[in-house]
Amino acid sequence: SSGINAEWPLRPGKQLEKQGTRVMYVHPFDMAAVHDGHSTLVHEVHSQLKGQTPSLFVTCVGGGGLLAGIHKGLQSFTHRPDTVPILAMETQGADSYSQALAAGKPIKLEAITSIAKTLGALQVCDKVVEIARHSDIISRVTDDKAAVRACWNFLRDHQYLVEPACGATLSAIYDNKLEEYVGDKLEDGPIVVVVCGGATVDLETLMKLKESFGIDGSLERHYPLETLTVE
């Protein structure tokens, strides 16, 4: 679904169906089973926090499947997911969720202009617009440069390569924006940052992006290429 309408695979699928082939379409984000899968992330967090309730979840939003899953997971052990705010990050040019919330309904972007292509759903699913009406979803938009800078800082600090979609999430931390974004909704307690997205990045790509945005900074020590991990 990166940068395109996620409905496009339906066309060949429908053609195969007409020919008598049994077809199952697994939507990348607008499907209850996908949301259920993502919700298990919250169950793992709950176990690791030994029952503590997070004060905040920070994640990125493409089509909304991960966000819907986090919200659903919170329901399973808090019973009131609205008590745990979720900071939903996007980049300019891939901000279909922010625009949907402003419009009060899902809207379709004309094109994805952000480099964070894996946030590139032209339209979010109905579910994440619906849950924002009764839950504490905080939508914020950063720019591509901040996302790339966060990716570089995360590599420096943790030796993990992540792509700009994940950098959108991390930018809220590295740019010290949590207080600005969340305000007095941020209470004492663990903050969960969902570091998700690395399949489309390698060291060469990230270095080129860093240079193109004029981002300063080097890795404090040499990391042999084979030690770099994609998550």
Protein backbone atom coordinates (compact mmCIF):
# COMPACT_ATOMS: atom_id res chain seq x y z
CA SER A 1 0.00 0.00 0.00
CA SER A 2 3.05 2.29 -0.11
CA GLY A 3 2.12 5.47 -1.93
CA ILE A 4 -0.77 3.92 -3.77
CA ASN A 5 -4.39 3.06 -3.22
CA ALA A 6 -4.49 -0.21 -1.29
CA GLU A 7 -7.51 -1.27 -3.32
CA TRP A 8 -5.50 -1.75 -6.53
CA PRO A 9 -4.85 -5.51 -5.99
CA LEU A 10 -8.60 -6.09 -6.08
CA ARG A 11 -8.68 -5.65 -9.84
CA PRO A 12 -6.64 -8.73 -10.81
CA GLY A 13 -8.21 -10.61 -7.91
CA LYS A 14 -11.71 -9.96 -9.16
CA GLN A 15 -10.64 -11.08 -12.61
CA LEU A 16 -9.34 -14.37 -11.20
CA GLU A 17 -12.56 -14.78 -9.26
CA LYS A 18 -14.57 -14.45 -12.47
CA GLN A 19 -12.46 -17.26 -13.90
CA GLY A 20 -13.48 -19.53 -11.04
CA THR A 21 -10.40 -19.16 -8.85
CA ARG A 22 -11.03 -18.89 -5.13
CA VAL A 23 -9.54 -15.58 -4.01
CA MET A 24 -8.95 -14.14 -0.55
CA TYR A 25 -7.87 -10.53 -0.26
CA VAL A 26 -5.97 -9.66 2.94
CA HIS A 27 -6.17 -5.92 3.25
CA PRO A 28 -2.97 -4.31 4.56
CA PHE A 29 -4.78 -2.21 7.17
CA ASP A 30 -8.58 -2.13 6.79
CA MET A 31 -9.44 -5.54 8.19
CA ALA A 32 -10.48 -6.68 11.68
CA ALA A 33 -8.13 -9.67 11.60
CA VAL A 34 -5.19 -7.33 10.89
CA HIS A 35 -6.22 -5.13 13.81
CA ASP A 36 -6.42 -8.22 16.03
CA GLY A 37 -2.89 -9.17 15.03
CA HIS A 38 -1.51 -5.75 15.83
CA SER A 39 -3.34 -5.73 19.18
CA THR A 40 -1.08 -8.51 20.47
CA LEU A 41 1.72 -5.94 20.63
CA VAL A 42 -0.14 -4.34 23.53
CA HIS A 43 -0.50 -7.70 25.26
CA GLU A 44 3.27 -8.14 25.10
CA VAL A 45 3.84 -4.66 26.47
CA HIS A 46 1.39 -5.31 29.29
CA SER A 47 3.29 -8.46 30.22
CA GLN A 48 6.67 -6.74 30.12
CA LEU A 49 5.41 -3.84 32.21
CA LYS A 50 4.10 -6.33 34.78
CA GLY A 51 0.64 -4.84 34.81
CA GLN A 52 1.58 -1.15 34.79
CA THR A 53 -0.60 0.98 32.54
CA PRO A 54 1.41 3.06 30.04
CA SER A 55 1.02 6.80 30.27
CA LEU A 56 1.34 7.13 26.48
CA PHE A 57 1.74 5.13 23.28
CA VAL A 58 3.66 6.74 20.41
CA THR A 59 3.24 5.27 16.94
CA CYS A 60 3.11 6.20 13.29
CA VAL A 61 0.05 6.04 11.04
CA GLY A 62 -0.15 4.88 7.45
CA GLY A 63 -3.51 3.32 6.71
CA GLY A 64 -4.38 2.97 10.39
CA GLY A 65 -4.09 -0.78 10.97
CA LEU A 66 -1.41 -0.51 13.66
CA LEU A 67 -3.20 2.36 15.40
CA ALA A 68 -6.50 0.45 15.40
CA GLY A 69 -4.69 -2.59 16.78
CA ILE A 70 -3.06 -0.64 19.60
CA HIS A 71 -6.42 0.84 20.52
CA LYS A 72 -8.03 -2.61 20.50
CA GLY A 73 -5.22 -4.05 22.59
CA LEU A 74 -5.65 -1.35 25.20
CA GLN A 75 -9.32 -2.27 25.50
CA SER A 76 -8.40 -5.78 26.56
CA PHE A 77 -6.66 -4.80 29.77
CA THR A 78 -7.72 -1.25 30.61
CA HIS A 79 -11.39 -1.58 29.56
CA ARG A 80 -11.18 2.15 28.93
CA PRO A 81 -8.67 2.72 26.14
CA ASP A 82 -9.49 6.42 26.19
CA THR A 83 -7.55 6.69 29.46
CA VAL A 84 -4.27 5.99 27.63
CA PRO A 85 -3.46 8.66 25.03
CA ILE A 86 -2.00 7.54 21.71
CA LEU A 87 0.25 9.95 19.84
CA ALA A 88 -0.20 9.23 16.13
CA MET A 89 2.64 10.59 13.99
CA GLU A 90 2.73 11.24 10.24
CA THR A 91 4.92 13.15 7.81
CA GLN A 92 3.81 16.01 5.60
CA GLY A 93 2.75 14.59 2.27
CA ALA A 94 1.58 11.31 3.82
CA ASP A 95 -0.81 12.82 6.34
CA SER A 96 -4.09 11.22 5.33
CA TYR A 97 -5.05 10.62 8.97
CA SER A 98 -4.50 14.19 10.10
CA GLN A 99 -6.53 15.44 7.17
CA ALA A 100 -9.26 12.88 7.82
CA LEU A 101 -9.62 14.02 11.42
CA ALA A 102 -9.82 17.63 10.29
CA ALA A 103 -12.54 16.71 7.80
CA GLY A 104 -14.37 14.40 10.20
CA LYS A 105 -14.22 11.53 7.73
CA PRO A 106 -11.66 9.62 5.65
CA ILE A 107 -10.39 11.64 2.71
CA LYS A 108 -8.23 10.53 -0.17
CA LEU A 109 -4.92 12.24 -0.87
CA GLU A 110 -4.17 13.00 -4.49
CA ALA A 111 -0.64 11.65 -4.12
CA ILE A 112 2.02 10.73 -1.58
CA THR A 113 4.77 13.35 -1.64
CA SER A 114 6.63 12.34 1.53
CA ILE A 115 9.73 10.15 1.40
CA ALA A 116 8.09 8.03 4.11
CA LYS A 117 6.47 5.82 1.47
CA THR A 118 5.38 3.12 3.88
CA LEU A 119 3.11 5.70 5.50
CA GLY A 120 1.71 6.24 2.03
CA ALA A 121 -1.89 5.11 2.25
CA LEU A 122 -3.91 7.55 0.20
CA GLN A 123 -6.83 7.04 2.59
CA VAL A 124 -7.00 5.69 6.13
CA CYS A 125 -9.52 3.11 7.24
CA ASP A 126 -12.85 4.21 8.70
CA LYS A 127 -12.03 2.56 12.03
CA VAL A 128 -9.30 4.99 13.09
CA VAL A 129 -11.48 8.00 12.32
CA GLU A 130 -14.28 6.43 14.34
CA ILE A 131 -12.16 5.64 17.42
CA ALA A 132 -10.75 9.17 17.49
CA ARG A 133 -14.26 10.42 18.30
CA HIS A 134 -14.28 8.68 21.68
CA SER A 135 -10.62 8.02 22.49
CA ASP A 136 -7.61 10.17 23.24
CA ILE A 137 -5.87 10.06 19.86
CA ILE A 138 -3.42 12.91 19.35
CA SER A 139 -2.57 13.40 15.68
CA ARG A 140 0.60 15.31 14.84
CA VAL A 141 2.53 15.84 11.60
CA THR A 142 6.29 16.27 11.27
CA ASP A 143 8.45 16.78 8.19
CA ASP A 144 10.70 14.43 6.27
CA LYS A 145 13.89 16.00 7.57
CA ALA A 146 12.90 15.42 11.18
CA ALA A 147 12.02 11.82 10.37
CA VAL A 148 15.37 11.16 8.69
CA ARG A 149 17.27 12.87 11.50
CA ALA A 150 15.49 10.64 14.02
CA CYS A 151 16.41 7.55 11.98
CA TRP A 152 20.07 8.59 12.05
CA ASN A 153 20.02 9.29 15.77
CA PHE A 154 18.37 5.95 16.46
CA LEU A 155 21.06 4.17 14.43
CA ARG A 156 23.74 6.01 16.38
CA ASP A 157 22.18 5.18 19.74
CA HIS A 158 20.87 1.65 19.19
CA GLN A 159 22.59 0.24 16.07
CA TYR A 160 19.24 -0.39 14.40
CA LEU A 161 18.30 0.79 10.94
CA VAL A 162 14.74 2.04 10.62
CA GLU A 163 13.00 3.80 7.76
CA PRO A 164 11.53 7.34 7.71
CA ALA A 165 8.03 6.02 8.52
CA CYS A 166 9.42 4.89 11.87
CA GLY A 167 11.47 8.09 12.05
CA ALA A 168 8.20 10.03 12.20
CA THR A 169 7.47 8.27 15.48
CA LEU A 170 10.98 8.70 16.83
CA SER A 171 11.06 12.40 15.91
CA ALA A 172 8.61 13.11 18.72
CA ILE A 173 11.22 11.79 21.15
CA TYR A 174 14.46 13.03 19.58
CA ASP A 175 13.08 16.51 18.92
CA ASN A 176 11.74 16.74 22.50
CA LYS A 177 8.21 17.33 21.26
CA LEU A 178 6.23 15.19 23.70
CA GLU A 179 5.32 18.04 26.02
CA GLU A 180 4.32 20.23 23.07
CA TYR A 181 2.32 17.47 21.39
CA VAL A 182 0.69 15.89 24.43
CA GLY A 183 0.65 18.69 27.00
CA ASP A 184 -1.00 17.99 30.34
CA LYS A 185 -2.33 14.67 29.05
CA LEU A 186 1.12 13.22 29.67
CA GLU A 187 1.11 11.70 33.14
CA ASP A 188 3.66 9.74 35.15
CA GLY A 189 4.24 6.23 33.93
CA PRO A 190 5.93 4.27 31.16
CA ILE A 191 5.92 5.73 27.64
CA VAL A 192 5.74 3.09 24.92
CA VAL A 193 7.34 4.03 21.60
CA VAL A 194 6.48 1.62 18.79
CA VAL A 195 9.64 1.21 16.69
CA CYS A 196 8.17 -0.38 13.59
CA GLY A 197 9.46 -0.23 10.03
CA GLY A 198 12.79 -1.13 8.49
CA ALA A 199 12.15 -3.26 5.45
CA THR A 200 12.83 -0.51 2.91
CA VAL A 201 16.03 0.95 4.33
CA ASP A 202 19.73 0.19 4.21
CA LEU A 203 22.75 2.13 5.39
CA GLU A 204 23.52 3.60 1.96
CA THR A 205 19.95 4.85 1.52
CA LEU A 206 19.86 6.43 4.95
CA MET A 207 23.22 8.14 4.42
CA LYS A 208 22.03 9.59 1.11
CA LEU A 209 18.85 10.89 2.75
CA LYS A 210 20.90 12.39 5.59
CA GLU A 211 23.15 14.19 3.10
CA SER A 212 20.24 15.40 0.96
CA PHE A 213 18.66 17.11 3.97
CA GLY A 214 21.97 18.55 5.20
CA ILE A 215 21.76 16.74 8.51
CA ASP A 216 24.89 16.96 10.62
CA GLY A 217 26.23 14.24 12.84
CA SER A 218 28.23 11.07 12.52
CA LEU A 219 28.15 7.69 14.21
CA GLU A 220 30.21 7.94 17.35
CA ARG A 221 31.93 4.65 16.64
CA HIS A 222 32.26 2.47 13.59
CA TYR A 223 29.56 -0.14 13.21
CA PRO A 224 30.62 -2.95 10.85
CA LEU A 225 27.91 -3.33 8.24
CA GLU A 226 27.15 -6.89 9.27
CA THR A 227 26.16 -5.72 12.78
CA LEU A 228 23.47 -3.38 11.49
CA THR A 229 20.01 -4.85 11.96
CA VAL A 230 16.81 -4.14 10.08
CA GLU A 231 13.66 -4.42 12.18
